[in-house]
């Protein structure tokens, strides 16, 4: 089975909407004492929570990830590869760019802390640079669980996704009724895992043999979401709003589960029309570069906000209408355009780093048939813990350098690289198609 352009399109589309969504809701205000603050738009202007229905696109990310992972793992298994070898390669493709990003951000945080940058400002910047990290540990866990998840799919088909959804629903009820926050952590894997498992089903044709299946998912999921929001306790916002309880994302709720099903159904319904569009050469030329740079854009897209803040807000050059007013919304257009230009320049500047990381990957990726795998699994676990800490607290919690999670990241990366160090080093990196199937 060849690469599906529509899957690559979903990754690109998801990245574009995530970046635009974060930029759109990020509003900066210069206070009278010169400080730059970032009021929370969704809390300050409540009607904007409805906009999250269009920008919460992460179900498609996990759906496309499951589609790609199912094909990649089935090919690796058919070729005699081990689960550890496959998970190690897939994880390393994600963790090398994430580790490089984290290292550079932590270096900047260390320098700023040493020269006495205001703790509040440093904490805000550290949070902004880590706000997108929640995705990384969840995706790494699902990648590590792919072999058993795919085995369940091969045996039970769509029923495996249904059972996972029932488990997520049960956990969601516990969170709302008995307020069990730690139980809710399981739903990061279960709810997003439903989208991932549906990706397996999509790839194998279980969702598309009959057109009424996607239609039923779209209508049923949409109706369930409307009922849970309109009649139930859940908010409409599909992005975290401070102080809002229960939340649809922290942890993923029953309403988010319904949204996963609805969005998957819509995605499958429009697939034929979008595929015809992607067959046009000029359209594919626009989509392909975005998909190829998806992880770079995802990791680095908040840095342009800091650059623009320094260039226009610290210098008092930016016009500042009342936050959330009509004038403020009108300025969102040039705001997005300027950020887009800065990000495009940043992506171009990062290409040498990407090439070096690609070379490092080829030199250190685990063997496909890796058997002695305890360093890999331990390194993956330590990385998940460190990245989770950055996702929750940012890179400078309370304005301090995060010593323990930083050491954890170094240890985790070292352990993850260890199984591949004995490999023969190629003179030039070989970018094989199977290795590039990364939904991150």
Protein backbone atom coordinates (compact mmCIF):
# COMPACT_ATOMS: atom_id res chain seq x y z
CA UNK A 1 0.00 0.00 0.00
CA UNK A 2 1.50 3.34 -1.06
CA UNK A 3 1.57 6.51 0.93
CA UNK A 4 -1.80 8.18 1.21
CA UNK A 5 -1.65 11.87 0.34
CA UNK A 6 -4.80 12.46 2.34
CA UNK A 7 -3.08 11.24 5.53
CA UNK A 8 -0.22 13.67 4.88
CA UNK A 9 -2.77 16.41 4.23
CA UNK A 10 -4.43 15.74 7.60
CA UNK A 11 -1.11 16.20 9.36
CA UNK A 12 -0.44 19.44 7.52
CA UNK A 13 -3.98 20.71 8.09
CA UNK A 14 -3.82 19.86 11.78
CA UNK A 15 -0.51 21.67 12.19
CA UNK A 16 -1.72 24.79 10.40
CA UNK A 17 -4.85 25.00 12.56
CA UNK A 18 -2.95 24.33 15.81
CA UNK A 19 -0.45 27.08 15.01
CA UNK A 20 -3.10 29.56 13.89
CA UNK A 21 -5.29 28.72 16.88
CA UNK A 22 -2.49 29.32 19.39
CA UNK A 23 -1.53 32.56 17.69
CA UNK A 24 -5.12 33.76 17.47
CA UNK A 25 -5.87 33.34 21.17
CA UNK A 26 -2.53 34.79 22.29
CA UNK A 27 -3.05 38.44 23.07
CA UNK A 28 -0.33 40.65 24.56
CA UNK A 29 -0.91 43.69 26.74
CA UNK A 30 1.75 46.20 27.82
CA UNK A 31 1.02 47.23 31.42
CA UNK A 32 1.68 50.70 32.83
CA UNK A 33 4.81 49.46 34.59
CA UNK A 34 6.23 48.15 31.30
CA UNK A 35 5.49 44.47 31.90
CA UNK A 36 4.05 42.38 29.07
CA UNK A 37 1.12 40.19 30.08
CA UNK A 38 -0.95 37.69 28.12
CA UNK A 39 -4.60 37.72 29.24
CA UNK A 40 -6.44 34.45 28.58
CA UNK A 41 -8.75 35.23 25.66
CA UNK A 42 -11.08 32.25 26.18
CA UNK A 43 -11.68 33.29 29.80
CA UNK A 44 -11.75 37.06 29.22
CA UNK A 45 -14.02 36.94 26.14
CA UNK A 46 -16.17 33.83 26.76
CA UNK A 47 -17.87 33.72 23.35
CA UNK A 48 -14.50 32.89 21.79
CA UNK A 49 -14.78 29.41 23.32
CA UNK A 50 -17.03 28.53 20.38
CA UNK A 51 -14.06 29.10 18.07
CA UNK A 52 -12.37 26.05 19.55
CA UNK A 53 -14.86 23.84 17.67
CA UNK A 54 -13.00 24.78 14.51
CA UNK A 55 -9.48 24.80 15.89
CA UNK A 56 -9.49 21.63 18.03
CA UNK A 57 -8.11 19.39 15.34
CA UNK A 58 -5.93 17.03 17.39
CA UNK A 59 -8.27 14.03 16.84
CA UNK A 60 -7.15 14.10 13.21
CA UNK A 61 -3.51 14.09 14.31
CA UNK A 62 -3.99 10.86 16.25
CA UNK A 63 -6.22 9.39 13.53
CA UNK A 64 -3.52 9.99 10.91
CA UNK A 65 -0.90 8.73 13.36
CA UNK A 66 -2.77 5.45 13.83
CA UNK A 67 -3.18 5.05 10.07
CA UNK A 68 0.56 5.53 9.48
CA UNK A 69 1.63 3.45 12.50
CA UNK A 70 -0.57 0.53 11.51
CA UNK A 71 1.05 0.33 8.09
CA UNK A 72 4.56 0.88 9.41
CA UNK A 73 4.30 -1.74 12.18
CA UNK A 74 2.66 -4.36 9.94
CA UNK A 75 5.50 -3.99 7.42
CA UNK A 76 8.15 -4.15 10.13
CA UNK A 77 6.55 -7.23 11.66
CA UNK A 78 6.32 -8.96 8.27
CA UNK A 79 10.05 -8.27 7.74
CA UNK A 80 10.92 -9.90 11.08
CA UNK A 81 11.41 -6.70 13.06
CA UNK A 82 10.94 -6.56 16.81
CA UNK A 83 8.55 -4.34 18.75
CA UNK A 84 11.49 -2.71 20.56
CA UNK A 85 13.27 -1.91 17.30
CA UNK A 86 10.16 -0.39 15.74
CA UNK A 87 9.20 1.63 18.82
CA UNK A 88 12.78 2.81 19.25
CA UNK A 89 13.04 4.10 15.70
CA UNK A 90 9.68 5.81 15.79
CA UNK A 91 10.32 7.38 19.19
CA UNK A 92 13.77 8.58 18.21
CA UNK A 93 12.41 10.41 15.17
CA UNK A 94 10.17 12.35 17.54
CA UNK A 95 12.54 12.78 20.46
CA UNK A 96 15.64 14.01 18.64
CA UNK A 97 13.93 17.24 17.42
CA UNK A 98 12.07 17.60 20.73
CA UNK A 99 15.31 17.11 22.66
CA UNK A 100 17.17 19.66 20.54
CA UNK A 101 14.34 22.16 21.02
CA UNK A 102 14.24 21.54 24.77
CA UNK A 103 18.00 21.87 25.07
CA UNK A 104 18.05 25.25 23.32
CA UNK A 105 15.12 26.55 25.36
CA UNK A 106 16.69 25.35 28.61
CA UNK A 107 19.97 27.02 27.66
CA UNK A 108 18.12 30.29 27.13
CA UNK A 109 16.25 29.85 30.43
CA UNK A 110 19.53 29.20 32.27
CA UNK A 111 21.15 32.33 30.82
CA UNK A 112 18.11 34.48 31.61
CA UNK A 113 17.94 33.18 35.17
CA UNK A 114 21.67 33.83 35.64
CA UNK A 115 21.45 37.46 34.49
CA UNK A 116 18.45 38.16 36.73
CA UNK A 117 15.48 38.28 34.36
CA UNK A 118 12.24 38.87 36.30
CA UNK A 119 10.93 35.54 37.62
CA UNK A 120 7.34 36.21 36.53
CA UNK A 121 8.40 37.08 33.00
CA UNK A 122 10.66 34.03 32.79
CA UNK A 123 7.89 31.74 34.04
CA UNK A 124 5.47 33.13 31.43
CA UNK A 125 7.99 32.67 28.63
CA UNK A 126 8.85 29.18 29.85
CA UNK A 127 5.17 28.24 29.88
CA UNK A 128 4.65 29.64 26.36
CA UNK A 129 7.55 27.59 25.02
CA UNK A 130 6.24 24.38 26.61
CA UNK A 131 2.47 24.72 26.19
CA UNK A 132 2.41 22.40 23.16
CA UNK A 133 4.38 19.62 24.88
CA UNK A 134 1.30 17.76 26.19
CA UNK A 135 1.10 16.02 22.83
CA UNK A 136 4.57 14.46 23.00
CA UNK A 137 4.25 12.09 26.00
CA UNK A 138 0.79 10.97 24.89
CA UNK A 139 1.96 10.19 21.37
CA UNK A 140 5.08 8.43 22.66
CA UNK A 141 2.95 6.22 24.92
CA UNK A 142 0.62 5.31 22.06
CA UNK A 143 3.61 4.55 19.84
CA UNK A 144 5.02 2.26 22.53
CA UNK A 145 1.64 0.54 22.85
CA UNK A 146 1.17 0.14 19.09
CA UNK A 147 2.17 -3.56 18.90
CA UNK A 148 -0.46 -4.74 21.44
CA UNK A 149 -3.02 -2.19 20.21
CA UNK A 150 -2.57 -3.35 16.63
CA UNK A 151 -2.76 -6.99 17.73
CA UNK A 152 -6.11 -6.22 19.39
CA UNK A 153 -7.23 -4.52 16.19
CA UNK A 154 -6.24 -7.52 14.08
CA UNK A 155 -8.23 -9.83 16.35
CA UNK A 156 -11.30 -7.76 17.16
CA UNK A 157 -11.38 -5.00 14.57
CA UNK A 158 -13.64 -2.07 15.36
CA UNK A 159 -14.70 -3.71 18.63
CA UNK A 160 -11.25 -2.91 20.08
CA UNK A 161 -11.85 0.83 19.54
CA UNK A 162 -15.37 0.52 20.98
CA UNK A 163 -14.10 -1.18 24.14
CA UNK A 164 -11.42 1.49 24.52
CA UNK A 165 -14.11 4.13 24.13
CA UNK A 166 -16.25 2.43 26.79
CA UNK A 167 -13.28 2.48 29.14
CA UNK A 168 -12.75 6.18 28.44
CA UNK A 169 -16.43 6.85 29.10
CA UNK A 170 -16.27 5.01 32.44
CA UNK A 171 -13.22 7.00 33.51
CA UNK A 172 -14.91 10.22 32.38
CA UNK A 173 -17.93 9.47 34.56
CA UNK A 174 -15.66 8.84 37.56
CA UNK A 175 -13.89 12.17 37.02
CA UNK A 176 -17.18 14.10 36.96
CA UNK A 177 -19.04 12.24 39.70
CA UNK A 178 -16.41 11.42 42.33
CA UNK A 179 -13.81 13.98 41.23
CA UNK A 180 -10.96 11.50 40.75
CA UNK A 181 -8.27 13.61 39.03
CA UNK A 182 -5.63 10.88 38.94
CA UNK A 183 -8.06 8.47 37.30
CA UNK A 184 -8.55 11.10 34.63
CA UNK A 185 -4.91 10.78 33.57
CA UNK A 186 -5.80 7.43 32.00
CA UNK A 187 -8.06 9.23 29.55
CA UNK A 188 -5.09 10.93 27.91
CA UNK A 189 -4.28 7.49 26.55
CA UNK A 190 -7.83 6.15 26.21
CA UNK A 191 -9.55 9.10 24.50
CA UNK A 192 -6.71 9.92 22.12
CA UNK A 193 -6.13 6.19 21.81
CA UNK A 194 -9.63 5.81 20.36
CA UNK A 195 -8.64 8.15 17.51
CA UNK A 196 -5.38 6.22 17.10
CA UNK A 197 -7.22 2.87 17.05
CA UNK A 198 -9.73 4.25 14.54
CA UNK A 199 -6.72 5.04 12.34
CA UNK A 200 -5.99 1.30 12.21
CA UNK A 201 -9.61 0.63 11.26
CA UNK A 202 -9.53 3.32 8.59
CA UNK A 203 -6.38 1.92 7.01
CA UNK A 204 -7.86 -1.58 6.84
CA UNK A 205 -11.13 -0.33 5.35
CA UNK A 206 -13.36 -1.13 8.31
CA UNK A 207 -14.77 2.41 8.41
CA UNK A 208 -15.13 3.06 4.69
CA UNK A 209 -16.65 -0.10 3.20
CA UNK A 210 -20.08 1.36 3.83
CA UNK A 211 -20.63 5.09 3.52
CA UNK A 212 -23.25 5.03 6.24
CA UNK A 213 -20.57 4.21 8.85
CA UNK A 214 -18.75 7.57 8.58
CA UNK A 215 -22.13 9.34 8.35
CA UNK A 216 -23.33 7.60 11.52
CA UNK A 217 -20.09 8.56 13.30
CA UNK A 218 -20.39 12.20 12.25
CA UNK A 219 -24.07 12.52 13.19
CA UNK A 220 -23.93 10.34 16.31
CA UNK A 221 -20.74 11.89 17.64
CA UNK A 222 -21.99 15.41 16.91
CA UNK A 223 -25.33 14.75 18.61
CA UNK A 224 -23.62 13.24 21.65
CA UNK A 225 -21.31 16.25 21.92
CA UNK A 226 -24.26 18.67 21.67
CA UNK A 227 -26.15 16.76 24.38
CA UNK A 228 -23.15 16.58 26.71
CA UNK A 229 -22.58 20.33 26.34
CA UNK A 230 -26.19 21.49 26.18
CA UNK A 231 -27.71 19.15 28.75
CA UNK A 232 -24.67 17.82 30.56
CA UNK A 233 -21.97 19.41 32.69
CA UNK A 234 -19.35 19.98 30.00
CA UNK A 235 -18.28 23.36 28.57
CA UNK A 236 -18.25 24.10 24.87
CA UNK A 237 -14.55 24.95 24.87
CA UNK A 238 -12.36 22.19 23.47
CA UNK A 239 -9.24 23.96 24.75
CA UNK A 240 -8.33 24.33 28.43
CA UNK A 241 -9.79 27.41 30.11
CA UNK A 242 -8.33 28.32 33.51
CA UNK A 243 -10.78 27.64 36.35
CA UNK A 244 -13.29 25.85 34.13
CA UNK A 245 -14.51 22.60 35.72
CA UNK A 246 -14.95 20.07 34.29
CA UNK A 247 -12.55 20.61 31.42
CA UNK A 248 -12.78 18.91 28.04
CA UNK A 249 -9.01 18.56 27.70
CA UNK A 250 -7.51 18.26 31.20
CA UNK A 251 -8.25 15.38 31.23
CA UNK A 252 -9.98 14.57 27.92
CA UNK A 253 -13.67 14.30 28.70
CA UNK A 254 -16.73 12.43 27.45
CA UNK A 255 -17.47 15.44 25.26
CA UNK A 256 -13.99 15.24 23.75
CA UNK A 257 -14.54 11.53 23.08
CA UNK A 258 -17.74 12.39 21.23
CA UNK A 259 -15.82 15.04 19.28
CA UNK A 260 -13.20 12.45 18.30
CA UNK A 261 -15.92 10.22 16.83
CA UNK A 262 -17.68 13.10 15.06
CA UNK A 263 -14.50 14.55 13.60
CA UNK A 264 -13.38 11.13 12.37
CA UNK A 265 -16.71 10.65 10.62
CA UNK A 266 -16.52 14.04 8.90
CA UNK A 267 -12.90 13.38 7.93
CA UNK A 268 -13.86 10.13 6.19
CA UNK A 269 -16.89 11.66 4.47
CA UNK A 270 -14.87 14.43 2.81
CA UNK A 271 -11.90 12.19 1.99
CA UNK A 272 -12.87 11.42 -1.65
CA UNK A 273 -13.32 15.09 -2.55
CA UNK A 274 -10.09 16.14 -0.83
CA UNK A 275 -8.14 13.31 -2.48
CA UNK A 276 -9.28 14.52 -5.91
CA UNK A 277 -8.06 17.99 -5.00
CA UNK A 278 -4.71 16.63 -3.79
CA UNK A 279 -4.19 14.90 -7.13
CA UNK A 280 -3.64 18.34 -8.64
CA UNK A 281 0.09 19.00 -8.77
CA UNK A 282 -0.06 22.62 -7.60
CA UNK A 283 -2.15 21.71 -4.55
CA UNK A 284 0.23 18.93 -3.53
CA UNK A 285 3.20 21.27 -3.92
CA UNK A 286 1.61 23.51 -1.30
CA UNK A 287 0.68 20.72 1.12
CA UNK A 288 3.81 18.56 1.02
CA UNK A 289 6.32 21.06 2.51
CA UNK A 290 4.01 21.80 5.43
CA UNK A 291 3.60 18.11 6.19
CA UNK A 292 7.33 17.55 5.94
CA UNK A 293 8.05 20.38 8.39
CA UNK A 294 5.16 19.54 10.72
CA UNK A 295 7.21 18.73 13.81
CA UNK A 296 9.44 21.79 13.38
CA UNK A 297 6.41 24.06 13.04
CA UNK A 298 4.70 22.43 16.01
CA UNK A 299 7.70 22.73 18.32
CA UNK A 300 8.84 26.23 17.40
CA UNK A 301 5.65 28.12 16.60
CA UNK A 302 5.51 30.09 19.87
CA UNK A 303 9.00 31.56 19.47
CA UNK A 304 7.75 34.09 16.85
CA UNK A 305 5.32 35.39 19.50
CA UNK A 306 8.28 36.21 21.76
CA UNK A 307 10.18 37.79 18.86
CA UNK A 308 7.24 40.00 17.91
CA UNK A 309 6.61 40.87 21.56
CA UNK A 310 10.20 42.05 21.93
CA UNK A 311 10.19 43.94 18.63
CA UNK A 312 6.82 45.69 18.91
CA UNK A 313 5.51 45.53 22.48
CA UNK A 314 8.65 46.11 24.54
CA UNK A 315 9.46 49.04 22.24
CA UNK A 316 5.90 50.39 22.53
CA UNK A 317 5.50 50.32 18.72
CA UNK A 318 2.45 48.04 18.65
CA UNK A 319 -0.97 49.72 18.68
CA UNK A 320 -3.00 48.50 21.63
CA UNK A 321 -6.77 48.80 21.35
CA UNK A 322 -8.88 47.45 24.19
CA UNK A 323 -8.33 43.71 24.58
CA UNK A 324 -11.08 41.83 22.73
CA UNK A 325 -12.55 44.95 21.08
CA UNK A 326 -13.37 45.28 17.37
CA UNK A 327 -10.10 47.13 16.83
CA UNK A 328 -8.20 44.38 18.58
CA UNK A 329 -9.78 41.76 16.30
CA UNK A 330 -8.95 43.82 13.22
CA UNK A 331 -5.29 43.77 14.25
CA UNK A 332 -5.36 39.95 14.40
CA UNK A 333 -4.85 39.90 10.61
CA UNK A 334 -1.46 41.70 10.56
CA UNK A 335 -0.56 39.89 13.79
CA UNK A 336 -1.00 36.49 12.11
CA UNK A 337 0.79 37.63 8.96
CA UNK A 338 3.83 38.92 10.85
CA UNK A 339 4.03 35.75 12.94
CA UNK A 340 3.75 33.65 9.79
CA UNK A 341 6.66 35.48 8.18
CA UNK A 342 8.81 35.08 11.29
CA UNK A 343 8.00 31.37 11.52
CA UNK A 344 8.82 30.85 7.83
CA UNK A 345 12.21 32.49 8.37
CA UNK A 346 12.79 30.46 11.51
CA UNK A 347 11.94 27.20 9.70
CA UNK A 348 14.45 28.07 6.97
CA UNK A 349 17.12 28.87 9.56
CA UNK A 350 16.52 25.53 11.29
CA UNK A 351 17.15 23.41 8.18
CA UNK A 352 20.86 22.82 8.96
CA UNK A 353 19.87 21.60 12.43
CA UNK A 354 17.27 19.29 10.89
CA UNK A 355 19.89 17.81 8.57
CA UNK A 356 22.24 17.19 11.50
CA UNK A 357 19.44 15.52 13.44
CA UNK A 358 18.64 13.34 10.43
CA UNK A 359 22.29 12.26 10.29
CA UNK A 360 22.30 11.58 14.04
CA UNK A 361 19.15 9.50 13.65
CA UNK A 362 20.77 7.32 11.00
CA UNK A 363 23.81 6.80 13.22
CA UNK A 364 21.90 5.94 16.38
CA UNK A 365 18.57 4.40 15.37
CA UNK A 366 18.07 0.95 16.90
CA UNK A 367 18.33 -2.15 14.74
CA UNK A 368 14.97 -3.28 13.40
CA UNK A 369 15.36 -6.62 15.18
CA UNK A 370 16.56 -5.19 18.50
CA UNK A 371 16.20 -7.74 21.31
CA UNK A 372 18.21 -6.41 24.26
CA UNK A 373 15.91 -3.52 24.81
CA UNK A 374 15.80 -2.53 28.50
CA UNK A 375 17.78 0.74 27.95
CA UNK A 376 15.30 1.77 25.28
CA UNK A 377 12.19 1.14 27.37
CA UNK A 378 13.73 2.82 30.43
CA UNK A 379 14.89 5.78 28.35
CA UNK A 380 11.44 6.14 26.82
CA UNK A 381 9.81 6.10 30.27
CA UNK A 382 12.22 8.76 31.60
CA UNK A 383 11.64 10.93 28.53
CA UNK A 384 7.87 10.69 28.93
CA UNK A 385 8.18 11.77 32.58
CA UNK A 386 10.47 14.73 31.76
CA UNK A 387 8.34 15.93 28.84
CA UNK A 388 5.18 15.62 30.94
CA UNK A 389 6.76 17.88 33.56
CA UNK A 390 7.58 20.50 30.91
CA UNK A 391 4.05 20.21 29.50
CA UNK A 392 2.45 20.85 32.90
CA UNK A 393 4.83 23.44 34.37
CA UNK A 394 6.69 24.90 31.41
CA UNK A 395 10.45 25.35 31.16
CA UNK A 396 10.77 27.83 34.03
CA UNK A 397 8.19 27.08 36.70
CA UNK A 398 8.05 29.97 39.20
CA UNK A 399 10.93 31.55 37.30
CA UNK A 400 13.45 28.84 38.21
CA UNK A 401 15.59 26.57 36.06
CA UNK A 402 14.03 23.04 36.08
CA UNK A 403 17.01 20.99 37.24
CA UNK A 404 15.40 17.57 37.78
CA UNK A 405 13.36 17.35 34.55
CA UNK A 406 16.37 18.64 32.61
CA UNK A 407 18.57 15.90 34.05
CA UNK A 408 15.79 13.42 33.32
CA UNK A 409 15.70 14.51 29.68
CA UNK A 410 19.48 14.08 29.35
CA UNK A 411 19.37 10.64 31.00
CA UNK A 412 16.37 9.55 28.94
CA UNK A 413 17.94 10.60 25.65
CA UNK A 414 21.19 8.88 26.56
CA UNK A 415 19.41 5.61 27.32
CA UNK A 416 17.33 5.85 24.16
CA UNK A 417 20.43 6.37 22.00
CA UNK A 418 22.39 3.57 23.69
CA UNK A 419 20.92 0.58 21.75
CA UNK A 420 21.91 2.09 18.40
CA UNK A 421 25.47 3.14 19.14
CA UNK A 422 27.01 -0.11 17.94
CA UNK A 423 25.57 0.24 14.46
CA UNK A 424 27.72 0.81 11.38
CA UNK A 425 27.71 4.54 10.65
CA UNK A 426 26.69 5.42 7.07
CA UNK A 427 28.60 8.19 5.34
CA UNK A 428 25.39 9.96 4.42
CA UNK A 429 21.95 9.78 5.99
CA UNK A 430 19.55 7.55 4.10
CA UNK A 431 16.03 8.91 4.29
CA UNK A 432 13.89 5.88 3.62
CA UNK A 433 10.18 6.27 2.98
CA UNK A 434 9.20 3.96 5.83
CA UNK A 435 11.26 5.96 8.31
CA UNK A 436 9.57 9.17 7.22
CA UNK A 437 6.07 7.91 8.09
CA UNK A 438 5.89 9.93 11.28
CA UNK A 439 2.62 11.48 12.41
CA UNK A 440 4.16 13.98 14.79
